[in-house]
């Protein structure tokens, strides 16, 4: 299970590089660090902050295995 923590901006500019098909997850970066963001209904959470290769690996894992509630009916 992946560890998610509240997203706290560390620089004034957040860049979103990719968004999942349903918009639930974003591959983002700021200040040279990459991470995966998700909206929990109240605030954004992040996981896997660090180098591009690590964040992309997690991004691919999360987007390949998630099941959006609107798509599972």
PDB file of N, CA and C in Angstrom:
ATOM      1  N   UNK A   1       0.844  -1.189   0.000  1.00  0.00           N
ATOM      2  CA  UNK A   1       0.000   0.000   0.000  1.00  0.00           C
ATOM      3  C   UNK A   1       0.884   1.246   0.000  1.00  0.00           C
ATOM      4  N   UNK A   2       0.522   2.193  -0.813  1.00  0.00           N
ATOM      5  CA  UNK A   2       1.278   3.425  -0.967  1.00  0.00           C
ATOM      6  C   UNK A   2       0.990   4.392   0.177  1.00  0.00           C
ATOM      7  N   UNK A   3       2.026   5.107   0.634  1.00  0.00           N
ATOM      8  CA  UNK A   3       1.875   6.114   1.689  1.00  0.00           C
ATOM      9  C   UNK A   3       1.572   7.472   1.051  1.00  0.00           C
ATOM     10  N   UNK A   4       0.430   8.037   1.397  1.00  0.00           N
ATOM     11  CA  UNK A   4       0.027   9.355   0.903  1.00  0.00           C
ATOM     12  C   UNK A   4       0.081  10.332   2.063  1.00  0.00           C
ATOM     13  N   UNK A   5       0.527  11.553   1.786  1.00  0.00           N
ATOM     14  CA  UNK A   5       0.558  12.605   2.798  1.00  0.00           C
ATOM     15  C   UNK A   5      -0.002  13.884   2.200  1.00  0.00           C
ATOM     16  N   UNK A   6      -0.475  14.799   3.046  1.00  0.00           N
ATOM     17  CA  UNK A   6      -1.038  16.044   2.518  1.00  0.00           C
ATOM     18  C   UNK A   6      -0.021  16.781   1.650  1.00  0.00           C
ATOM     19  N   UNK A   7      -0.478  17.306   0.535  1.00  0.00           N
ATOM     20  CA  UNK A   7       0.389  18.073  -0.352  1.00  0.00           C
ATOM     21  C   UNK A   7       0.587  19.460   0.233  1.00  0.00           C
ATOM     22  N   UNK A   8       1.839  19.839   0.390  1.00  0.00           N
ATOM     23  CA  UNK A   8       2.201  21.173   0.870  1.00  0.00           C
ATOM     24  C   UNK A   8       3.158  21.769  -0.153  1.00  0.00           C
ATOM     25  N   UNK A   9       2.738  22.795  -0.895  1.00  0.00           N
ATOM     26  CA  UNK A   9       3.616  23.395  -1.907  1.00  0.00           C
ATOM     27  C   UNK A   9       4.950  23.813  -1.312  1.00  0.00           C
ATOM     28  N   UNK A  10       6.013  23.548  -2.072  1.00  0.00           N
ATOM     29  CA  UNK A  10       7.359  23.919  -1.627  1.00  0.00           C
ATOM     30  C   UNK A  10       7.967  25.006  -2.490  1.00  0.00           C
ATOM     31  N   UNK A  11       7.349  25.268  -3.623  1.00  0.00           N
ATOM     32  CA  UNK A  11       7.752  26.360  -4.506  1.00  0.00           C
ATOM     33  C   UNK A  11       6.484  27.004  -5.043  1.00  0.00           C
ATOM     34  N   UNK A  12       6.573  28.202  -5.607  1.00  0.00           N
ATOM     35  CA  UNK A  12       5.374  28.872  -6.106  1.00  0.00           C
ATOM     36  C   UNK A  12       4.812  28.273  -7.398  1.00  0.00           C
ATOM     37  N   UNK A  13       5.569  27.401  -8.076  1.00  0.00           N
ATOM     38  CA  UNK A  13       5.100  26.891  -9.358  1.00  0.00           C
ATOM     39  C   UNK A  13       4.991  25.371  -9.357  1.00  0.00           C
ATOM     40  N   UNK A  14       3.768  24.883  -9.522  1.00  0.00           N
ATOM     41  CA  UNK A  14       3.494  23.463  -9.662  1.00  0.00           C
ATOM     42  C   UNK A  14       3.275  23.185 -11.138  1.00  0.00           C
ATOM     43  N   UNK A  15       3.900  22.142 -11.656  1.00  0.00           N
ATOM     44  CA  UNK A  15       3.708  21.751 -13.054  1.00  0.00           C
ATOM     45  C   UNK A  15       3.083  20.363 -13.100  1.00  0.00           C
ATOM     46  N   UNK A  16       2.016  20.244 -13.849  1.00  0.00           N
ATOM     47  CA  UNK A  16       1.369  18.952 -14.050  1.00  0.00           C
ATOM     48  C   UNK A  16       1.797  18.447 -15.418  1.00  0.00           C
ATOM     49  N   UNK A  17       2.398  17.262 -15.448  1.00  0.00           N
ATOM     50  CA  UNK A  17       2.918  16.688 -16.685  1.00  0.00           C
ATOM     51  C   UNK A  17       1.930  15.729 -17.329  1.00  0.00           C
ATOM     52  N   UNK A  18       1.179  15.003 -16.526  1.00  0.00           N
ATOM     53  CA  UNK A  18       0.166  14.075 -17.036  1.00  0.00           C
ATOM     54  C   UNK A  18      -0.963  13.994 -16.034  1.00  0.00           C
ATOM     55  N   UNK A  19      -2.159  13.681 -16.539  1.00  0.00           N
ATOM     56  CA  UNK A  19      -3.338  13.480 -15.703  1.00  0.00           C
ATOM     57  C   UNK A  19      -3.973  12.164 -16.107  1.00  0.00           C
ATOM     58  N   UNK A  20      -4.433  11.400 -15.129  1.00  0.00           N
ATOM     59  CA  UNK A  20      -5.050  10.114 -15.421  1.00  0.00           C
ATOM     60  C   UNK A  20      -6.350  10.314 -16.204  1.00  0.00           C
ATOM     61  N   UNK A  21      -6.839   9.251 -16.793  1.00  0.00           N
ATOM     62  CA  UNK A  21      -8.014   9.327 -17.667  1.00  0.00           C
ATOM     63  C   UNK A  21      -9.225   9.944 -16.974  1.00  0.00           C
ATOM     64  N   UNK A  22      -9.373   9.705 -15.696  1.00  0.00           N
ATOM     65  CA  UNK A  22     -10.525  10.207 -14.957  1.00  0.00           C
ATOM     66  C   UNK A  22     -10.216  11.489 -14.187  1.00  0.00           C
ATOM     67  N   UNK A  23      -8.961  11.935 -14.227  1.00  0.00           N
ATOM     68  CA  UNK A  23      -8.568  13.155 -13.525  1.00  0.00           C
ATOM     69  C   UNK A  23      -8.285  12.958 -12.050  1.00  0.00           C
ATOM     70  N   UNK A  24      -8.251  11.715 -11.590  1.00  0.00           N
ATOM     71  CA  UNK A  24      -8.033  11.444 -10.175  1.00  0.00           C
ATOM     72  C   UNK A  24      -6.574  11.612  -9.751  1.00  0.00           C
ATOM     73  N   UNK A  25      -5.640  11.363 -10.657  1.00  0.00           N
ATOM     74  CA  UNK A  25      -4.213  11.418 -10.352  1.00  0.00           C
ATOM     75  C   UNK A  25      -3.487  12.340 -11.319  1.00  0.00           C
ATOM     76  N   UNK A  26      -2.434  12.987 -10.818  1.00  0.00           N
ATOM     77  CA  UNK A  26      -1.568  13.827 -11.644  1.00  0.00           C
ATOM     78  C   UNK A  26      -0.118  13.461 -11.388  1.00  0.00           C
ATOM     79  N   UNK A  27       0.674  13.431 -12.451  1.00  0.00           N
ATOM     80  CA  UNK A  27       2.125  13.368 -12.319  1.00  0.00           C
ATOM     81  C   UNK A  27       2.580  14.818 -12.354  1.00  0.00           C
ATOM     82  N   UNK A  28       3.200  15.277 -11.287  1.00  0.00           N
ATOM     83  CA  UNK A  28       3.514  16.700 -11.152  1.00  0.00           C
ATOM     84  C   UNK A  28       4.966  16.880 -10.729  1.00  0.00           C
ATOM     85  N   UNK A  29       5.421  18.130 -10.813  1.00  0.00           N
ATOM     86  CA  UNK A  29       6.754  18.469 -10.327  1.00  0.00           C
ATOM     87  C   UNK A  29       6.762  19.901  -9.824  1.00  0.00           C
ATOM     88  N   UNK A  30       7.729  20.158  -8.969  1.00  0.00           N
ATOM     89  CA  UNK A  30       8.019  21.514  -8.509  1.00  0.00           C
ATOM     90  C   UNK A  30       9.435  21.512  -7.954  1.00  0.00           C
ATOM     91  N   UNK A  31      10.180  22.515  -8.295  1.00  0.00           N
ATOM     92  CA  UNK A  31      11.536  22.648  -7.794  1.00  0.00           C
ATOM     93  C   UNK A  31      12.453  21.480  -8.127  1.00  0.00           C
ATOM     94  N   UNK A  32      12.236  20.843  -9.274  1.00  0.00           N
ATOM     95  CA  UNK A  32      13.084  19.740  -9.686  1.00  0.00           C
ATOM     96  C   UNK A  32      12.735  18.395  -9.087  1.00  0.00           C
ATOM     97  N   UNK A  33      11.695  18.336  -8.279  1.00  0.00           N
ATOM     98  CA  UNK A  33      11.240  17.067  -7.712  1.00  0.00           C
ATOM     99  C   UNK A  33       9.908  16.680  -8.342  1.00  0.00           C
ATOM    100  N   UNK A  34       9.758  15.388  -8.605  1.00  0.00           N
ATOM    101  CA  UNK A  34       8.537  14.849  -9.208  1.00  0.00           C
ATOM    102  C   UNK A  34       7.769  14.052  -8.166  1.00  0.00           C
ATOM    103  N   UNK A  35       6.450  13.954  -8.355  1.00  0.00           N
ATOM    104  CA  UNK A  35       5.610  13.222  -7.414  1.00  0.00           C
ATOM    105  C   UNK A  35       4.248  12.978  -8.044  1.00  0.00           C
ATOM    106  N   UNK A  36       3.461  12.139  -7.384  1.00  0.00           N
ATOM    107  CA  UNK A  36       2.107  11.839  -7.835  1.00  0.00           C
ATOM    108  C   UNK A  36       1.145  12.522  -6.874  1.00  0.00           C
ATOM    109  N   UNK A  37       0.174  13.229  -7.437  1.00  0.00           N
ATOM    110  CA  UNK A  37      -0.861  13.910  -6.657  1.00  0.00           C
ATOM    111  C   UNK A  37      -2.194  13.206  -6.832  1.00  0.00           C
ATOM    112  N   UNK A  38      -3.028  13.252  -5.799  1.00  0.00           N
ATOM    113  CA  UNK A  38      -4.414  12.801  -5.925  1.00  0.00           C
ATOM    114  C   UNK A  38      -5.299  13.706  -5.087  1.00  0.00           C
ATOM    115  N   UNK A  39      -6.527  13.859  -5.520  1.00  0.00           N
ATOM    116  CA  UNK A  39      -7.529  14.639  -4.807  1.00  0.00           C
ATOM    117  C   UNK A  39      -8.339  13.678  -3.959  1.00  0.00           C
ATOM    118  N   UNK A  40      -8.468  13.929  -2.667  1.00  0.00           N
ATOM    119  CA  UNK A  40      -9.205  13.015  -1.799  1.00  0.00           C
ATOM    120  C   UNK A  40     -10.612  13.503  -1.482  1.00  0.00           C
ATOM    121  N   UNK A  41     -11.057  14.530  -2.173  1.00  0.00           N
ATOM    122  CA  UNK A  41     -12.379  15.094  -1.936  1.00  0.00           C
ATOM    123  C   UNK A  41     -12.348  16.319  -1.049  1.00  0.00           C
ATOM    124  N   UNK A  42     -11.236  16.517  -0.349  1.00  0.00           N
ATOM    125  CA  UNK A  42     -11.092  17.651   0.556  1.00  0.00           C
ATOM    126  C   UNK A  42      -9.814  18.435   0.275  1.00  0.00           C
ATOM    127  N   UNK A  43      -8.725  17.732  -0.032  1.00  0.00           N
ATOM    128  CA  UNK A  43      -7.443  18.369  -0.309  1.00  0.00           C
ATOM    129  C   UNK A  43      -6.582  17.412  -1.148  1.00  0.00           C
ATOM    130  N   UNK A  44      -5.491  17.943  -1.660  1.00  0.00           N
ATOM    131  CA  UNK A  44      -4.566  17.114  -2.439  1.00  0.00           C
ATOM    132  C   UNK A  44      -3.615  16.376  -1.508  1.00  0.00           C
ATOM    133  N   UNK A  45      -3.252  15.159  -1.937  1.00  0.00           N
ATOM    134  CA  UNK A  45      -2.255  14.354  -1.248  1.00  0.00           C
ATOM    135  C   UNK A  45      -1.173  14.001  -2.256  1.00  0.00           C
ATOM    136  N   UNK A  46       0.024  13.715  -1.757  1.00  0.00           N
ATOM    137  CA  UNK A  46       1.133  13.371  -2.640  1.00  0.00           C
ATOM    138  C   UNK A  46       1.808  12.096  -2.169  1.00  0.00           C
ATOM    139  N   UNK A  47       2.500  11.459  -3.104  1.00  0.00           N
ATOM    140  CA  UNK A  47       3.312  10.298  -2.793  1.00  0.00           C
ATOM    141  C   UNK A  47       4.519  10.269  -3.728  1.00  0.00           C
ATOM    142  N   UNK A  48       5.566   9.619  -3.284  1.00  0.00           N
ATOM    143  CA  UNK A  48       6.744   9.320  -4.101  1.00  0.00           C
ATOM    144  C   UNK A  48       7.484  10.551  -4.616  1.00  0.00           C
ATOM    145  N   UNK A  49       7.655  11.531  -3.771  1.00  0.00           N
ATOM    146  CA  UNK A  49       8.396  12.729  -4.166  1.00  0.00           C
ATOM    147  C   UNK A  49       9.871  12.383  -4.326  1.00  0.00           C
ATOM    148  N   UNK A  50      10.447  12.823  -5.432  1.00  0.00           N
ATOM    149  CA  UNK A  50      11.864  12.575  -5.656  1.00  0.00           C
ATOM    150  C   UNK A  50      12.228  12.692  -7.116  1.00  0.00           C
ATOM    151  N   UNK A  51      13.129  11.838  -7.558  1.00  0.00           N
ATOM    152  CA  UNK A  51      13.611  11.887  -8.938  1.00  0.00           C
ATOM    153  C   UNK A  51      12.539  11.432  -9.915  1.00  0.00           C
ATOM    154  N   UNK A  52      12.691  11.881 -11.143  1.00  0.00           N
ATOM    155  CA  UNK A  52      11.729  11.593 -12.202  1.00  0.00           C
ATOM    156  C   UNK A  52      11.474  10.096 -12.365  1.00  0.00           C
ATOM    157  N   UNK A  53      12.526   9.308 -12.456  1.00  0.00           N
ATOM    158  CA  UNK A  53      12.381   7.871 -12.691  1.00  0.00           C
ATOM    159  C   UNK A  53      11.546   7.186 -11.627  1.00  0.00           C
ATOM    160  N   UNK A  54      11.755   7.551 -10.381  1.00  0.00           N
ATOM    161  CA  UNK A  54      10.992   6.967  -9.279  1.00  0.00           C
ATOM    162  C   UNK A  54       9.517   7.378  -9.352  1.00  0.00           C
ATOM    163  N   UNK A  55       9.267   8.645  -9.544  1.00  0.00           N
ATOM    164  CA  UNK A  55       7.887   9.139  -9.600  1.00  0.00           C
ATOM    165  C   UNK A  55       7.130   8.554 -10.789  1.00  0.00           C
ATOM    166  N   UNK A  56       7.797   8.427 -11.929  1.00  0.00           N
ATOM    167  CA  UNK A  56       7.135   7.865 -13.115  1.00  0.00           C
ATOM    168  C   UNK A  56       6.791   6.396 -12.887  1.00  0.00           C
ATOM    169  N   UNK A  57       7.657   5.664 -12.250  1.00  0.00           N
ATOM    170  CA  UNK A  57       7.372   4.259 -11.944  1.00  0.00           C
ATOM    171  C   UNK A  57       6.100   4.156 -11.093  1.00  0.00           C
ATOM    172  N   UNK A  58       5.995   4.972 -10.077  1.00  0.00           N
ATOM    173  CA  UNK A  58       4.809   4.975  -9.213  1.00  0.00           C
ATOM    174  C   UNK A  58       3.594   5.449  -9.999  1.00  0.00           C
ATOM    175  N   UNK A  59       3.749   6.484 -10.816  1.00  0.00           N
ATOM    176  CA  UNK A  59       2.666   6.996 -11.654  1.00  0.00           C
ATOM    177  C   UNK A  59       2.088   5.879 -12.524  1.00  0.00           C
ATOM    178  N   UNK A  60       2.951   5.134 -13.191  1.00  0.00           N
ATOM    179  CA  UNK A  60       2.498   4.052 -14.063  1.00  0.00           C
ATOM    180  C   UNK A  60       1.783   2.961 -13.263  1.00  0.00           C
ATOM    181  N   UNK A  61       2.296   2.650 -12.105  1.00  0.00           N
ATOM    182  CA  UNK A  61       1.670   1.646 -11.238  1.00  0.00           C
ATOM    183  C   UNK A  61       0.282   2.096 -10.776  1.00  0.00           C
ATOM    184  N   UNK A  62       0.196   3.330 -10.299  1.00  0.00           N
ATOM    185  CA  UNK A  62      -1.076   3.853  -9.775  1.00  0.00           C
ATOM    186  C   UNK A  62      -2.124   3.965 -10.875  1.00  0.00           C
ATOM    187  N   UNK A  63      -1.748   4.499 -12.009  1.00  0.00           N
ATOM    188  CA  UNK A  63      -2.740   4.690 -13.077  1.00  0.00           C
ATOM    189  C   UNK A  63      -3.146   3.376 -13.742  1.00  0.00           C
ATOM    190  N   UNK A  64      -2.275   2.384 -13.705  1.00  0.00           N
ATOM    191  CA  UNK A  64      -2.616   1.086 -14.305  1.00  0.00           C
ATOM    192  C   UNK A  64      -3.519   0.261 -13.403  1.00  0.00           C
ATOM    193  N   UNK A  65      -3.482   0.494 -12.100  1.00  0.00           N
ATOM    194  CA  UNK A  65      -4.224  -0.359 -11.174  1.00  0.00           C
ATOM    195  C   UNK A  65      -5.441   0.305 -10.541  1.00  0.00           C
ATOM    196  N   UNK A  66      -5.634   1.605 -10.736  1.00  0.00           N
ATOM    197  CA  UNK A  66      -6.776   2.248 -10.072  1.00  0.00           C
ATOM    198  C   UNK A  66      -8.077   1.925 -10.811  1.00  0.00           C
ATOM    199  N   UNK A  67      -9.147   1.954 -10.054  1.00  0.00           N
ATOM    200  CA  UNK A  67     -10.487   1.731 -10.613  1.00  0.00           C
ATOM    201  C   UNK A  67     -11.352   2.896 -10.181  1.00  0.00           C
ATOM    202  N   UNK A  68     -11.660   3.772 -11.104  1.00  0.00           N
ATOM    203  CA  UNK A  68     -12.478   4.933 -10.798  1.00  0.00           C
ATOM    204  C   UNK A  68     -13.907   4.478 -10.579  1.00  0.00           C
ATOM    205  N   UNK A  69     -14.554   4.987  -9.561  1.00  0.00           N
ATOM    206  CA  UNK A  69     -15.896   4.520  -9.202  1.00  0.00           C
ATOM    207  C   UNK A  69     -16.911   4.696 -10.323  1.00  0.00           C
ATOM    208  N   UNK A  70     -16.771   5.720 -11.157  1.00  0.00           N
ATOM    209  CA  UNK A  70     -17.714   5.922 -12.259  1.00  0.00           C
ATOM    210  C   UNK A  70     -17.515   4.913 -13.371  1.00  0.00           C
ATOM    211  N   UNK A  71     -16.380   4.238 -13.398  1.00  0.00           N
ATOM    212  CA  UNK A  71     -16.062   3.317 -14.474  1.00  0.00           C
ATOM    213  C   UNK A  71     -16.242   1.860 -14.069  1.00  0.00           C
ATOM    214  N   UNK A  72     -16.627   1.592 -12.819  1.00  0.00           N
ATOM    215  CA  UNK A  72     -16.722   0.220 -12.348  1.00  0.00           C
ATOM    216  C   UNK A  72     -18.164  -0.253 -12.165  1.00  0.00           C
ATOM    217  N   UNK A  73     -19.113   0.463 -12.656  1.00  0.00           N
ATOM    218  CA  UNK A  73     -20.522   0.076 -12.481  1.00  0.00           C
ATOM    219  C   UNK A  73     -20.913  -1.063 -13.397  1.00  0.00           C
TER     220      UNK A  73
END
